[in-house]
Each structure stands twice: as structure tokens, then as C-alpha cells.
C-alpha atoms as a PDB file:
ATOM      1  CA  UNK A   1     152.876  14.151 -28.552  1.00  0.00           C
ATOM      2  CA  UNK A   2     156.390  13.623 -27.375  1.00  0.00           C
ATOM      3  CA  UNK A   3     157.084  15.013 -23.718  1.00  0.00           C
ATOM      4  CA  UNK A   4     160.261  17.096 -23.456  1.00  0.00           C
ATOM      5  CA  UNK A   5     163.177  15.702 -21.597  1.00  0.00           C
ATOM      6  CA  UNK A   6     163.416  18.842 -19.292  1.00  0.00           C
ATOM      7  CA  UNK A   7     159.570  17.783 -17.989  1.00  0.00           C
ATOM      8  CA  UNK A   8     160.417  14.449 -17.176  1.00  0.00           C
ATOM      9  CA  UNK A   9     163.277  15.597 -15.276  1.00  0.00           C
ATOM     10  CA  UNK A  10     161.031  17.674 -13.156  1.00  0.00           C
ATOM     11  CA  UNK A  11     158.744  14.939 -12.595  1.00  0.00           C
ATOM     12  CA  UNK A  12     161.576  13.054 -11.432  1.00  0.00           C
ATOM     13  CA  UNK A  13     162.857  15.582  -8.954  1.00  0.00           C
ATOM     14  CA  UNK A  14     159.291  15.796  -7.471  1.00  0.00           C
ATOM     15  CA  UNK A  15     159.182  11.906  -7.053  1.00  0.00           C
ATOM     16  CA  UNK A  16     162.498  11.880  -5.277  1.00  0.00           C
ATOM     17  CA  UNK A  17     161.226  14.623  -2.988  1.00  0.00           C
ATOM     18  CA  UNK A  18     158.202  12.752  -2.387  1.00  0.00           C
ATOM     19  CA  UNK A  19     160.268   9.674  -1.496  1.00  0.00           C
ATOM     20  CA  UNK A  20     162.258  11.224   1.103  1.00  0.00           C
ATOM     21  CA  UNK A  21     161.125   9.800   4.604  1.00  0.00           C
ATOM     22  CA  UNK A  22     159.704  12.286   7.246  1.00  0.00           C
ATOM     23  CA  UNK A  23     162.710  13.355   9.763  1.00  0.00           C
ATOM     24  CA  UNK A  24     162.407  11.284  12.905  1.00  0.00           C
ATOM     25  CA  UNK A  25     161.925  13.497  16.118  1.00  0.00           C
ATOM     26  CA  UNK A  26     165.124  13.652  18.168  1.00  0.00           C
ATOM     27  CA  UNK A  27     165.179  11.286  21.167  1.00  0.00           C
ATOM     28  CA  UNK A  28     165.596  14.003  23.774  1.00  0.00           C
ATOM     29  CA  UNK A  29     162.631  15.760  22.427  1.00  0.00           C
ATOM     30  CA  UNK A  30     160.720  12.522  22.792  1.00  0.00           C
ATOM     31  CA  UNK A  31     161.938  11.778  26.255  1.00  0.00           C
ATOM     32  CA  UNK A  32     160.982  15.502  27.280  1.00  0.00           C
ATOM     33  CA  UNK A  33     157.408  15.319  25.799  1.00  0.00           C
ATOM     34  CA  UNK A  34     157.012  11.792  27.721  1.00  0.00           C
ATOM     35  CA  UNK A  35     158.340  13.293  30.933  1.00  0.00           C
ATOM     36  CA  UNK A  36     155.955  16.289  30.526  1.00  0.00           C
ATOM     37  CA  UNK A  37     152.896  13.738  30.040  1.00  0.00           C
ATOM     38  CA  UNK A  38     153.983  11.666  32.760  1.00  0.00           C
ATOM     39  CA  UNK A  39     154.189  14.670  35.198  1.00  0.00           C
ATOM     40  CA  UNK A  40     150.880  15.988  34.000  1.00  0.00           C
ATOM     41  CA  UNK A  41     149.186  12.996  34.749  1.00  0.00           C
ATOM     42  CA  UNK A  42     150.811  12.570  37.831  1.00  0.00           C
ATOM     43  CA  UNK A  43     149.965  16.023  38.972  1.00  0.00           C
ATOM     44  CA  UNK A  44     146.089  15.227  38.041  1.00  0.00           C
ATOM     45  CA  UNK A  45     146.029  12.209  39.724  1.00  0.00           C
ATOM     46  CA  UNK A  46     147.429  13.836  42.904  1.00  0.00           C
ATOM     47  CA  UNK A  47     144.634  16.632  42.646  1.00  0.00           C
ATOM     48  CA  UNK A  48     142.076  14.101  42.534  1.00  0.00           C
ATOM     49  CA  UNK A  49     143.452  12.492  45.617  1.00  0.00           C
ATOM     50  CA  UNK A  50     143.343  15.712  47.432  1.00  0.00           C
ATOM     51  CA  UNK A  51     139.986  16.607  46.343  1.00  0.00           C
ATOM     52  CA  UNK A  52     138.729  13.367  47.551  1.00  0.00           C
ATOM     53  CA  UNK A  53     140.680  13.902  50.833  1.00  0.00           C
ATOM     54  CA  UNK A  54     138.923  17.345  51.084  1.00  0.00           C
ATOM     55  CA  UNK A  55     135.414  16.086  50.428  1.00  0.00           C
ATOM     56  CA  UNK A  56     135.696  12.827  52.449  1.00  0.00           C
ATOM     57  CA  UNK A  57     138.381  12.485  55.025  1.00  0.00           C
ATOM     58  CA  UNK A  58     137.261  12.404  58.735  1.00  0.00           C
ATOM     59  CA  UNK A  59     140.529  14.098  60.067  1.00  0.00           C
ATOM     60  CA  UNK A  60     140.367  17.914  59.660  1.00  0.00           C
ATOM     61  CA  UNK A  61     144.229  18.218  59.584  1.00  0.00           C
ATOM     62  CA  UNK A  62     144.064  15.979  56.416  1.00  0.00           C
ATOM     63  CA  UNK A  63     141.498  18.205  54.996  1.00  0.00           C
ATOM     64  CA  UNK A  64     143.157  21.519  55.781  1.00  0.00           C
ATOM     65  CA  UNK A  65     146.279  20.311  54.123  1.00  0.00           C
ATOM     66  CA  UNK A  66     144.208  19.132  50.968  1.00  0.00           C
ATOM     67  CA  UNK A  67     142.722  22.600  50.644  1.00  0.00           C
ATOM     68  CA  UNK A  68     146.006  24.228  51.241  1.00  0.00           C
ATOM     69  CA  UNK A  69     147.813  22.163  48.460  1.00  0.00           C
ATOM     70  CA  UNK A  70     145.095  22.521  46.069  1.00  0.00           C
ATOM     71  CA  UNK A  71     145.317  26.268  46.265  1.00  0.00           C
ATOM     72  CA  UNK A  72     148.939  26.246  45.849  1.00  0.00           C
ATOM     73  CA  UNK A  73     149.134  24.301  42.998  1.00  0.00           C
ATOM     74  CA  UNK A  74     146.436  26.057  41.415  1.00  0.00           C
ATOM     75  CA  UNK A  75     143.891  23.391  40.913  1.00  0.00           C
ATOM     76  CA  UNK A  76     140.932  25.196  39.198  1.00  0.00           C
ATOM     77  CA  UNK A  77     138.744  21.965  39.134  1.00  0.00           C
ATOM     78  CA  UNK A  78     138.946  22.097  42.788  1.00  0.00           C
ATOM     79  CA  UNK A  79     136.946  25.250  43.312  1.00  0.00           C
ATOM     80  CA  UNK A  80     133.478  23.427  43.879  1.00  0.00           C
ATOM     81  CA  UNK A  81     134.896  21.349  46.648  1.00  0.00           C
ATOM     82  CA  UNK A  82     136.784  24.089  48.171  1.00  0.00           C
ATOM     83  CA  UNK A  83     133.701  26.350  48.147  1.00  0.00           C
ATOM     84  CA  UNK A  84     131.875  23.806  50.090  1.00  0.00           C
ATOM     85  CA  UNK A  85     134.557  23.495  52.558  1.00  0.00           C
ATOM     86  CA  UNK A  86     134.492  27.076  53.253  1.00  0.00           C
ATOM     87  CA  UNK A  87     131.258  25.970  55.476  1.00  0.00           C
ATOM     88  CA  UNK A  88     133.276  22.921  57.050  1.00  0.00           C
ATOM     89  CA  UNK A  89     132.745  22.048  60.650  1.00  0.00           C
ATOM     90  CA  UNK A  90     136.262  22.825  61.513  1.00  0.00           C
ATOM     91  CA  UNK A  91     137.785  26.367  61.424  1.00  0.00           C
ATOM     92  CA  UNK A  92     141.268  25.347  60.338  1.00  0.00           C
ATOM     93  CA  UNK A  93     139.457  23.661  57.287  1.00  0.00           C
ATOM     94  CA  UNK A  94     137.441  26.696  56.599  1.00  0.00           C
ATOM     95  CA  UNK A  95     140.511  29.059  56.720  1.00  0.00           C
ATOM     96  CA  UNK A  96     142.469  26.895  54.482  1.00  0.00           C
ATOM     97  CA  UNK A  97     139.474  26.572  51.830  1.00  0.00           C
ATOM     98  CA  UNK A  98     139.019  30.105  51.886  1.00  0.00           C
ATOM     99  CA  UNK A  99     142.708  30.961  51.570  1.00  0.00           C
ATOM    100  CA  UNK A 100     143.100  28.371  48.504  1.00  0.00           C
ATOM    101  CA  UNK A 101     140.066  30.495  46.685  1.00  0.00           C
ATOM    102  CA  UNK A 102     142.174  33.426  47.326  1.00  0.00           C
ATOM    103  CA  UNK A 103     144.878  31.992  45.608  1.00  0.00           C
ATOM    104  CA  UNK A 104     142.787  30.790  42.765  1.00  0.00           C
ATOM    105  CA  UNK A 105     141.215  34.230  42.129  1.00  0.00           C
ATOM    106  CA  UNK A 106     139.958  35.526  39.712  1.00  0.00           C
ATOM    107  CA  UNK A 107     138.840  31.834  38.467  1.00  0.00           C
ATOM    108  CA  UNK A 108     137.095  31.358  41.983  1.00  0.00           C
ATOM    109  CA  UNK A 109     134.490  33.837  41.382  1.00  0.00           C
ATOM    110  CA  UNK A 110     131.663  31.320  41.802  1.00  0.00           C
ATOM    111  CA  UNK A 111     132.573  31.166  45.499  1.00  0.00           C
ATOM    112  CA  UNK A 112     131.589  34.706  46.061  1.00  0.00           C
ATOM    113  CA  UNK A 113     128.340  33.709  48.077  1.00  0.00           C
ATOM    114  CA  UNK A 114     130.165  31.499  50.022  1.00  0.00           C
ATOM    115  CA  UNK A 115     132.984  33.878  50.930  1.00  0.00           C
ATOM    116  CA  UNK A 116     130.516  36.544  51.559  1.00  0.00           C
ATOM    117  CA  UNK A 117     128.846  34.516  54.030  1.00  0.00           C
ATOM    118  CA  UNK A 118     132.255  33.566  55.486  1.00  0.00           C
ATOM    119  CA  UNK A 119     132.903  37.358  56.447  1.00  0.00           C
ATOM    120  CA  UNK A 120     130.680  36.530  59.473  1.00  0.00           C
ATOM    121  CA  UNK A 121     132.676  33.441  60.676  1.00  0.00           C
ATOM    122  CA  UNK A 122     133.593  33.321  64.612  1.00  0.00           C
ATOM    123  CA  UNK A 123     137.199  32.488  63.372  1.00  0.00           C
ATOM    124  CA  UNK A 124     139.283  35.553  62.815  1.00  0.00           C
ATOM    125  CA  UNK A 125     141.482  33.702  60.252  1.00  0.00           C
ATOM    126  CA  UNK A 126     138.531  32.492  58.120  1.00  0.00           C
ATOM    127  CA  UNK A 127     137.370  36.047  57.867  1.00  0.00           C
ATOM    128  CA  UNK A 128     140.779  37.358  56.876  1.00  0.00           C
ATOM    129  CA  UNK A 129     141.131  34.910  54.090  1.00  0.00           C
ATOM    130  CA  UNK A 130     137.580  35.569  52.817  1.00  0.00           C
ATOM    131  CA  UNK A 131     137.905  39.110  53.005  1.00  0.00           C
ATOM    132  CA  UNK A 132     141.408  38.776  50.964  1.00  0.00           C
ATOM    133  CA  UNK A 133     139.752  36.403  48.434  1.00  0.00           C
ATOM    134  CA  UNK A 134     136.673  38.817  47.737  1.00  0.00           C
ATOM    135  CA  UNK A 135     139.147  41.775  47.324  1.00  0.00           C
ATOM    136  CA  UNK A 136     141.435  39.790  44.780  1.00  0.00           C
ATOM    137  CA  UNK A 137     137.996  38.896  43.061  1.00  0.00           C
ATOM    138  CA  UNK A 138     136.894  42.487  42.963  1.00  0.00           C
ATOM    139  CA  UNK A 139     133.732  41.557  44.918  1.00  0.00           C
ATOM    140  CA  UNK A 140     133.736  43.374  48.216  1.00  0.00           C
ATOM    141  CA  UNK A 141     132.935  47.012  48.852  1.00  0.00           C
ATOM    142  CA  UNK A 142     135.626  49.068  50.688  1.00  0.00           C
ATOM    143  CA  UNK A 143     133.470  49.717  53.448  1.00  0.00           C
ATOM    144  CA  UNK A 144     132.644  45.852  53.966  1.00  0.00           C
ATOM    145  CA  UNK A 145     136.444  45.153  53.657  1.00  0.00           C
ATOM    146  CA  UNK A 146     136.966  47.920  56.446  1.00  0.00           C
ATOM    147  CA  UNK A 147     134.326  46.643  58.472  1.00  0.00           C
ATOM    148  CA  UNK A 148     136.092  43.114  58.522  1.00  0.00           C
ATOM    149  CA  UNK A 149     139.757  43.954  58.231  1.00  0.00           C
ATOM    150  CA  UNK A 150     139.749  46.896  60.604  1.00  0.00           C
ATOM    151  CA  UNK A 151     139.395  44.968  63.811  1.00  0.00           C
ATOM    152  CA  UNK A 152     142.110  42.442  62.990  1.00  0.00           C
ATOM    153  CA  UNK A 153     144.596  45.054  63.264  1.00  0.00           C
ATOM    154  CA  UNK A 154     144.743  44.769  66.647  1.00  0.00           C
ATOM    155  CA  UNK A 155     145.279  40.943  66.346  1.00  0.00           C
ATOM    156  CA  UNK A 156     148.833  40.464  67.097  1.00  0.00           C
ATOM    157  CA  UNK A 157     148.986  37.378  64.530  1.00  0.00           C
ATOM    158  CA  UNK A 158     146.839  38.685  61.795  1.00  0.00           C
ATOM    159  CA  UNK A 159     147.441  42.507  61.765  1.00  0.00           C
ATOM    160  CA  UNK A 160     150.035  42.742  59.171  1.00  0.00           C
ATOM    161  CA  UNK A 161     148.271  40.508  56.775  1.00  0.00           C
ATOM    162  CA  UNK A 162     144.960  42.481  57.449  1.00  0.00           C
ATOM    163  CA  UNK A 163     146.886  45.741  56.687  1.00  0.00           C
ATOM    164  CA  UNK A 164     148.289  44.677  53.731  1.00  0.00           C
ATOM    165  CA  UNK A 165     144.719  43.989  52.247  1.00  0.00           C
ATOM    166  CA  UNK A 166     143.194  46.747  53.914  1.00  0.00           C
ATOM    167  CA  UNK A 167     145.348  49.349  52.115  1.00  0.00           C
ATOM    168  CA  UNK A 168     144.862  47.629  48.825  1.00  0.00           C
ATOM    169  CA  UNK A 169     141.094  48.477  48.720  1.00  0.00           C
ATOM    170  CA  UNK A 170     140.148  52.121  48.557  1.00  0.00           C
ATOM    171  CA  UNK A 171     142.134  54.885  50.581  1.00  0.00           C
ATOM    172  CA  UNK A 172     139.789  57.546  49.438  1.00  0.00           C
ATOM    173  CA  UNK A 173     137.044  55.335  51.493  1.00  0.00           C
ATOM    174  CA  UNK A 174     136.304  57.081  54.909  1.00  0.00           C
ATOM    175  CA  UNK A 175     136.043  53.725  56.576  1.00  0.00           C
ATOM    176  CA  UNK A 176     139.221  52.392  55.115  1.00  0.00           C
ATOM    177  CA  UNK A 177     141.060  55.691  56.142  1.00  0.00           C
ATOM    178  CA  UNK A 178     139.766  55.573  59.710  1.00  0.00           C
ATOM    179  CA  UNK A 179     141.320  52.001  60.376  1.00  0.00           C
ATOM    180  CA  UNK A 180     144.396  53.023  58.324  1.00  0.00           C
ATOM    181  CA  UNK A 181     145.049  55.992  60.625  1.00  0.00           C
ATOM    182  CA  UNK A 182     144.533  53.532  63.476  1.00  0.00           C
ATOM    183  CA  UNK A 183     147.009  51.245  62.285  1.00  0.00           C
ATOM    184  CA  UNK A 184     149.401  54.022  61.881  1.00  0.00           C
ATOM    185  CA  UNK A 185     148.815  55.579  65.274  1.00  0.00           C
ATOM    186  CA  UNK A 186     148.701  52.364  67.401  1.00  0.00           C
ATOM    187  CA  UNK A 187     150.071  49.408  65.124  1.00  0.00           C
ATOM    188  CA  UNK A 188     153.082  47.542  65.731  1.00  0.00           C
ATOM    189  CA  UNK A 189     156.074  48.405  63.318  1.00  0.00           C
ATOM    190  CA  UNK A 190     155.500  45.710  60.985  1.00  0.00           C
ATOM    191  CA  UNK A 191     151.758  46.892  60.603  1.00  0.00           C
ATOM    192  CA  UNK A 192     152.816  50.525  60.034  1.00  0.00           C
ATOM    193  CA  UNK A 193     155.319  49.531  57.544  1.00  0.00           C
ATOM    194  CA  UNK A 194     152.795  47.345  55.540  1.00  0.00           C
ATOM    195  CA  UNK A 195     150.388  50.535  55.478  1.00  0.00           C
ATOM    196  CA  UNK A 196     153.029  52.777  54.421  1.00  0.00           C
ATOM    197  CA  UNK A 197     154.447  50.412  51.769  1.00  0.00           C
ATOM    198  CA  UNK A 198     150.772  49.888  50.579  1.00  0.00           C
ATOM    199  CA  UNK A 199     150.554  53.630  50.390  1.00  0.00           C
ATOM    200  CA  UNK A 200     153.762  53.753  48.229  1.00  0.00           C
ATOM    201  CA  UNK A 201     152.291  50.932  45.929  1.00  0.00           C
ATOM    202  CA  UNK A 202     149.102  52.908  45.325  1.00  0.00           C
ATOM    203  CA  UNK A 203     150.960  55.871  44.288  1.00  0.00           C
ATOM    204  CA  UNK A 204     152.918  53.795  41.886  1.00  0.00           C
ATOM    205  CA  UNK A 205     150.119  52.240  40.521  1.00  0.00           C
ATOM    206  CA  UNK A 206     148.328  55.556  39.728  1.00  0.00           C
ATOM    207  CA  UNK A 207     151.526  56.616  37.771  1.00  0.00           C
ATOM    208  CA  UNK A 208     151.977  53.132  35.920  1.00  0.00           C
ATOM    209  CA  UNK A 209     148.880  51.606  34.866  1.00  0.00           C
ATOM    210  CA  UNK A 210     150.390  48.000  34.292  1.00  0.00           C
ATOM    211  CA  UNK A 211     150.855  47.943  38.217  1.00  0.00           C
ATOM    212  CA  UNK A 212     147.118  48.680  38.946  1.00  0.00           C
ATOM    213  CA  UNK A 213     145.382  45.781  41.040  1.00  0.00           C
ATOM    214  CA  UNK A 214     143.280  47.745  43.622  1.00  0.00           C
ATOM    215  CA  UNK A 215     140.252  50.015  43.451  1.00  0.00           C
ATOM    216  CA  UNK A 216     140.324  53.706  43.745  1.00  0.00           C
ATOM    217  CA  UNK A 217     143.424  54.785  45.313  1.00  0.00           C
ATOM    218  CA  UNK A 218     144.261  51.199  46.592  1.00  0.00           C
ATOM    219  CA  UNK A 219     147.484  49.487  45.220  1.00  0.00           C
ATOM    220  CA  UNK A 220     147.909  46.020  43.820  1.00  0.00           C
ATOM    221  CA  UNK A 221     145.930  43.259  45.780  1.00  0.00           C
ATOM    222  CA  UNK A 222     147.739  40.812  47.890  1.00  0.00           C
ATOM    223  CA  UNK A 223     147.623  37.479  45.878  1.00  0.00           C
ATOM    224  CA  UNK A 224     147.729  34.848  48.871  1.00  0.00           C
ATOM    225  CA  UNK A 225     146.331  34.236  51.988  1.00  0.00           C
ATOM    226  CA  UNK A 226     147.555  34.700  55.766  1.00  0.00           C
ATOM    227  CA  UNK A 227     148.642  31.797  57.971  1.00  0.00           C
ATOM    228  CA  UNK A 228     145.935  29.814  59.897  1.00  0.00           C
ATOM    229  CA  UNK A 229     149.076  28.213  61.876  1.00  0.00           C
ATOM    230  CA  UNK A 230     149.932  31.737  63.348  1.00  0.00           C
ATOM    231  CA  UNK A 231     146.365  32.700  64.585  1.00  0.00           C
ATOM    232  CA  UNK A 232     145.578  31.931  68.097  1.00  0.00           C
ATOM    233  CA  UNK A 233     141.847  33.155  67.316  1.00  0.00           C
ATOM    234  CA  UNK A 234     141.678  30.331  64.609  1.00  0.00           C
ATOM    235  CA  UNK A 235     140.712  27.742  67.430  1.00  0.00           C
ATOM    236  CA  UNK A 236     141.982  24.427  68.098  1.00  0.00           C
ATOM    237  CA  UNK A 237     140.899  23.525  64.590  1.00  0.00           C
ATOM    238  CA  UNK A 238     143.326  25.953  62.884  1.00  0.00           C
ATOM    239  CA  UNK A 239     146.186  23.798  63.207  1.00  0.00           C
ATOM    240  CA  UNK A 240     150.084  24.650  62.589  1.00  0.00           C
ATOM    241  CA  UNK A 241     151.141  24.112  59.182  1.00  0.00           C
ATOM    242  CA  UNK A 242     147.645  24.111  57.410  1.00  0.00           C
ATOM    243  CA  UNK A 243     148.542  27.281  55.440  1.00  0.00           C
ATOM    244  CA  UNK A 244     151.660  29.202  54.594  1.00  0.00           C
ATOM    245  CA  UNK A 245     151.976  32.819  55.337  1.00  0.00           C
ATOM    246  CA  UNK A 246     152.905  34.175  52.084  1.00  0.00           C
ATOM    247  CA  UNK A 247     150.737  36.867  50.492  1.00  0.00           C
ATOM    248  CA  UNK A 248     151.655  35.304  47.005  1.00  0.00           C
ATOM    249  CA  UNK A 249     152.194  38.607  45.258  1.00  0.00           C
ATOM    250  CA  UNK A 250     154.758  41.515  45.730  1.00  0.00           C
ATOM    251  CA  UNK A 251     154.743  43.504  48.897  1.00  0.00           C
ATOM    252  CA  UNK A 252     153.943  47.167  48.622  1.00  0.00           C
ATOM    253  CA  UNK A 253     156.079  49.639  46.895  1.00  0.00           C
ATOM    254  CA  UNK A 254     159.778  50.360  47.704  1.00  0.00           C
ATOM    255  CA  UNK A 255     159.937  52.536  50.590  1.00  0.00           C
ATOM    256  CA  UNK A 256     162.492  54.881  48.839  1.00  0.00           C
ATOM    257  CA  UNK A 257     159.327  55.486  46.606  1.00  0.00           C
ATOM    258  CA  UNK A 258     157.642  57.215  49.523  1.00  0.00           C
ATOM    259  CA  UNK A 259     157.834  60.917  50.553  1.00  0.00           C
ATOM    260  CA  UNK A 260     160.336  61.550  53.407  1.00  0.00           C
ATOM    261  CA  UNK A 261     157.442  62.262  55.952  1.00  0.00           C
ATOM    262  CA  UNK A 262     155.687  58.820  55.101  1.00  0.00           C
ATOM    263  CA  UNK A 263     158.846  56.930  56.045  1.00  0.00           C
ATOM    264  CA  UNK A 264     159.245  58.878  59.190  1.00  0.00           C
ATOM    265  CA  UNK A 265     155.759  57.862  60.159  1.00  0.00           C
ATOM    266  CA  UNK A 266     156.416  54.201  59.542  1.00  0.00           C
ATOM    267  CA  UNK A 267     159.641  54.509  61.497  1.00  0.00           C
ATOM    268  CA  UNK A 268     158.527  56.289  64.637  1.00  0.00           C
ATOM    269  CA  UNK A 269     157.583  54.397  67.895  1.00  0.00           C
ATOM    270  CA  UNK A 270     154.153  53.378  68.305  1.00  0.00           C
ATOM    271  CA  UNK A 271     151.720  56.277  69.348  1.00  0.00           C
ATOM    272  CA  UNK A 272     154.265  59.067  68.792  1.00  0.00           C
ATOM    273  CA  UNK A 273     152.964  60.582  65.720  1.00  0.00           C
ATOM    274  CA  UNK A 274     150.641  63.489  66.112  1.00  0.00           C
ATOM    275  CA  UNK A 275     147.402  62.299  65.309  1.00  0.00           C
ATOM    276  CA  UNK A 276     146.676  65.458  62.925  1.00  0.00           C
ATOM    277  CA  UNK A 277     149.804  64.430  60.970  1.00  0.00           C
ATOM    278  CA  UNK A 278     148.666  61.113  60.415  1.00  0.00           C
ATOM    279  CA  UNK A 279     145.380  62.379  59.142  1.00  0.00           C
ATOM    280  CA  UNK A 280     146.879  64.306  56.832  1.00  0.00           C
ATOM    281  CA  UNK A 281     149.373  61.851  55.545  1.00  0.00           C
ATOM    282  CA  UNK A 282     146.530  59.149  55.441  1.00  0.00           C
ATOM    283  CA  UNK A 283     144.388  61.778  53.393  1.00  0.00           C
ATOM    284  CA  UNK A 284     147.215  62.722  51.220  1.00  0.00           C
ATOM    285  CA  UNK A 285     147.720  59.223  49.912  1.00  0.00           C
ATOM    286  CA  UNK A 286     145.192  59.505  47.045  1.00  0.00           C
ATOM    287  CA  UNK A 287     146.558  62.920  46.132  1.00  0.00           C
ATOM    288  CA  UNK A 288     150.078  61.869  46.109  1.00  0.00           C
ATOM    289  CA  UNK A 289     149.572  58.667  44.121  1.00  0.00           C
ATOM    290  CA  UNK A 290     148.137  60.948  41.371  1.00  0.00           C
ATOM    291  CA  UNK A 291     151.198  63.042  41.260  1.00  0.00           C
END
């Protein structure tokens, strides 16, 4: 049978198509891919060195620094060694490890038992960071968080950080409200501001589900630890520079979103607002949040 010339022409086109070599990857794309691979390999190598330092170095400052950096660069593989470090013999290391687990939430859920034990630590900063981590993991009851964070509202170095975490738990809880009222009544200006802005965030979270992050009437949870370096209560082992004061997530809501009486309560001199007014403002937060 004679094959039509048109068929041969089609076969020729296909053959020519198959014979076309693959287009080479642009040099810039190759360089970028190589740089990414080298960077990733360098980060992995650095993370391994930090984990070795945290687990084995005899200098507590080195261990605390390693724990801090592992949290900041989000090394999930470091969670087991960080969990062990929450029970380190040095308070600065314990605080840095708890802070790193806070930053690594929610992946650090396996550290919950160690963090719960750390709530009873003798060092205030360890308790703060452990409570912040448990709150971020949704693993601590509001009453338990209030019992740990409430007393820290009188700590000049940790009060603001404690207030930010406390107000993100559950403003409907009686224990939380009691300490929030105390902070509004007796706290310094930055503590009162943190509480009031937290109430604003709770209000905005209720009206916008995409912002929700706390339980009940609470707002978004702070996503990073306090500063062990700033804490006088952390003991000699909590050395300057072992953790950064940065509650990684956004602060509370915009003060402009608050009712005017809340803004006034935050601006008044310490101790000046009538207690009855503060009680009504504190208890009104959940109701206002649902408006």
C-alpha cells in the first residue's frame, strides 16, 4: 500500500519536534537554586551546632544563647533538646528554653508536660515564658494562667509581658478578671495600656473571626517570650542578652477601637480610677467584644 505524502510530512514534523533539544535552565536561575541549597545546608549545619551546644556545653551563657537562637530561627527538630533544657540547672537556660518553645508553638505541643512543671519554677521569668508557651498551645486553663501571671503584674520587669499574656486568655474567667482589675488599678502606665489594648483586641477578635487566637473573650495570643535579661528575679543565671523582649505577634488592638472610657482608664494616673468603674469596664469587655 502506498503511503500518502501528507502522512510522511506529518511524520517528518513529529521527528523534528522530538529532535529539538531541551531548553537549558537560565544561568541566573541555576545560581539562585545553588544559593538556596547552600543557604539551607548552612542553616541546618548551624542548627545542629546550636543543638549540640545546648545539650553539652558547660557554659550556661552558651546554652542559653543556643536555646534563644533555636527558637528565633524556628528549628522544629530542636524541640526535644529544648524540652530537656526547661529543666536545666541554670535559670537563664530554663527561661530561654521555655521562651524558644513558646516561639515554636504549636509544633512544641510535645513539651506541654515539661512546661506545666516549669509553672512552679522559682524563677519568675521561667514561669512567665512557660505560661506564655502553654497559652500559645491552648494547654493551660485560664485559672492556672491567672495564678501564675497575676502575681507577676507586680514585677517591674515582667509586668507588661505578663499582662499581655493574661489578657489574651479569657476575660470571662473570674480569676483573670480579678488580676486584670488589679493591673488596671495599681499597674504602671505600660501595664494598663497592655491590658486595655488587649481588651480592644478581644473585641476585634469577636467581630472578625480571622483575628481570633485566644479563648473565650480573650484576643490573639502573644507569639513570643519576654526578656530574661531584663528580669532581676531570674537570678544570676538569667544573663543579659539570653532572650529578646519581643512578643513576636502584633500587640493588642488599636487604641482608637476602644470605647472612650477604656482609653481614659488607661491614661489616668495609677490608682486614680474608682474601683467600681474599673470593675464595670473589666466585666464589660466580653460584652463589648460581641457588639
